[in-house]
Structure formats: structure tokens, C-alpha cells
Amino acid sequence: MIVERITFENPDMAYRSRHAARHAVRYAAVRSIVDGKRILDIGCGEGYGAQLLRDWGAREVMGVDL
């Protein structure tokens, strides 16, 4: 099974460091271009990546998910 989002709330889904690293790399790839920008994070899941973008200098981050 491929996990699209990392969640710590669902006991049926095991945490896997490889999946966590894959998600972190996706956000890190845009780290250098978010400073001062308004960001729309579509499919943000739990929102930890949106928080990273904010911490890295984005002026505003809006995360949306189902």
C-alpha cells in the first residue's frame, strides 16, 4: 500500500520513515522560493508541511485537503 499522507491519528496506519522522508523532501525542494510569498498547499494532509513552509518564511500559507 502506498501512503499519500502521514498521520499519527490512525492506529491502522503504521509510521514508516521512508514515507516521512519522501514527504519532507518534497517540501524541502521549494524551501528556497517560499520566502515572502502566499502559498496554497493542496493536499496538505495533517498540515505539517504547510507549517514548514510558514516557518521557512512564507508570508501566508493556506492548506486544503478532503
C-alpha atoms as a PDB file:
ATOM      1  CA  MET A   1       0.000   0.000   0.000  1.00  0.00           C
ATOM      2  CA  ILE A   2       1.256   3.470  -0.868  1.00  0.00           C
ATOM      3  CA  VAL A   3       0.544   6.055   1.795  1.00  0.00           C
ATOM      4  CA  GLU A   4      -0.093   9.535   0.430  1.00  0.00           C
ATOM      5  CA  ARG A   5      -0.207  11.220   3.812  1.00  0.00           C
ATOM      6  CA  ILE A   6       1.447  10.673   7.118  1.00  0.00           C
ATOM      7  CA  THR A   7      -0.963  10.532  10.006  1.00  0.00           C
ATOM      8  CA  PHE A   8      -0.320   9.780  13.624  1.00  0.00           C
ATOM      9  CA  GLU A   9      -4.026   9.675  14.487  1.00  0.00           C
ATOM     10  CA  ASN A  10      -4.959   6.440  12.663  1.00  0.00           C
ATOM     11  CA  PRO A  11      -3.775   3.333  14.566  1.00  0.00           C
ATOM     12  CA  ASP A  12      -4.312   1.182  11.451  1.00  0.00           C
ATOM     13  CA  MET A  13      -1.568   3.007   9.544  1.00  0.00           C
ATOM     14  CA  ALA A  14       1.986   2.268  10.600  1.00  0.00           C
ATOM     15  CA  TYR A  15       4.568   5.053  10.574  1.00  0.00           C
ATOM     16  CA  ARG A  16       7.324   4.394   8.044  1.00  0.00           C
ATOM     17  CA  SER A  17      10.406   6.572   7.994  1.00  0.00           C
ATOM     18  CA  ARG A  18      10.838   6.171   4.216  1.00  0.00           C
ATOM     19  CA  HIS A  19       7.421   7.718   3.610  1.00  0.00           C
ATOM     20  CA  ALA A  20       8.141  10.515   6.078  1.00  0.00           C
ATOM     21  CA  ALA A  21      11.429  11.277   4.319  1.00  0.00           C
ATOM     22  CA  ARG A  22       9.723  11.355   0.914  1.00  0.00           C
ATOM     23  CA  HIS A  23       7.237  13.948   2.148  1.00  0.00           C
ATOM     24  CA  ALA A  24       9.938  16.068   3.776  1.00  0.00           C
ATOM     25  CA  VAL A  25      11.990  16.115   0.563  1.00  0.00           C
ATOM     26  CA  ARG A  26       9.011  17.413  -1.423  1.00  0.00           C
ATOM     27  CA  TYR A  27       8.625  20.382   0.877  1.00  0.00           C
ATOM     28  CA  ALA A  28      12.380  20.969   1.140  1.00  0.00           C
ATOM     29  CA  ALA A  29      12.561  21.220  -2.663  1.00  0.00           C
ATOM     30  CA  VAL A  30      10.667  24.537  -2.560  1.00  0.00           C
ATOM     31  CA  ARG A  31      12.203  25.929   0.625  1.00  0.00           C
ATOM     32  CA  SER A  32      14.385  28.463  -1.185  1.00  0.00           C
ATOM     33  CA  ILE A  33      11.478  30.043  -3.118  1.00  0.00           C
ATOM     34  CA  VAL A  34       8.748  30.474  -0.481  1.00  0.00           C
ATOM     35  CA  ASP A  35      10.149  33.471   1.402  1.00  0.00           C
ATOM     36  CA  GLY A  36       7.596  36.291   1.464  1.00  0.00           C
ATOM     37  CA  LYS A  37       5.092  34.502  -0.778  1.00  0.00           C
ATOM     38  CA  ARG A  38       1.474  33.422  -0.363  1.00  0.00           C
ATOM     39  CA  ILE A  39       1.348  29.626  -0.667  1.00  0.00           C
ATOM     40  CA  LEU A  40      -1.571  27.302  -1.417  1.00  0.00           C
ATOM     41  CA  ASP A  41      -0.765  23.772  -0.239  1.00  0.00           C
ATOM     42  CA  ILE A  42      -3.269  21.471  -1.933  1.00  0.00           C
ATOM     43  CA  GLY A  43      -3.499  18.013  -0.433  1.00  0.00           C
ATOM     44  CA  CYS A  44      -1.772  19.082   2.769  1.00  0.00           C
ATOM     45  CA  GLY A  45      -2.990  16.186   4.914  1.00  0.00           C
ATOM     46  CA  GLU A  46      -2.208  16.848   8.568  1.00  0.00           C
ATOM     47  CA  GLY A  47      -0.662  20.212   7.701  1.00  0.00           C
ATOM     48  CA  TYR A  48       2.864  19.679   8.983  1.00  0.00           C
ATOM     49  CA  GLY A  49       4.303  20.613   5.568  1.00  0.00           C
ATOM     50  CA  ALA A  50       2.269  23.808   5.482  1.00  0.00           C
ATOM     51  CA  GLN A  51       3.746  24.682   8.865  1.00  0.00           C
ATOM     52  CA  LEU A  52       7.249  24.059   7.500  1.00  0.00           C
ATOM     53  CA  LEU A  53       6.564  26.456   4.630  1.00  0.00           C
ATOM     54  CA  ARG A  54       5.436  29.099   7.118  1.00  0.00           C
ATOM     55  CA  ASP A  55       8.483  28.508   9.301  1.00  0.00           C
ATOM     56  CA  TRP A  56      10.691  28.904   6.229  1.00  0.00           C
ATOM     57  CA  GLY A  57       9.403  32.405   5.564  1.00  0.00           C
ATOM     58  CA  ALA A  58       6.187  32.165   3.563  1.00  0.00           C
ATOM     59  CA  ARG A  59       4.056  35.239   4.215  1.00  0.00           C
ATOM     60  CA  GLU A  60       0.847  33.203   4.265  1.00  0.00           C
ATOM     61  CA  VAL A  61       0.073  29.501   3.826  1.00  0.00           C
ATOM     62  CA  MET A  62      -3.361  28.037   3.198  1.00  0.00           C
ATOM     63  CA  GLY A  63      -3.653  24.262   3.288  1.00  0.00           C
ATOM     64  CA  VAL A  64      -6.634  22.416   1.831  1.00  0.00           C
ATOM     65  CA  ASP A  65      -7.500  18.746   1.821  1.00  0.00           C
ATOM     66  CA  LEU A  66     -10.543  16.497   1.685  1.00  0.00           C
END
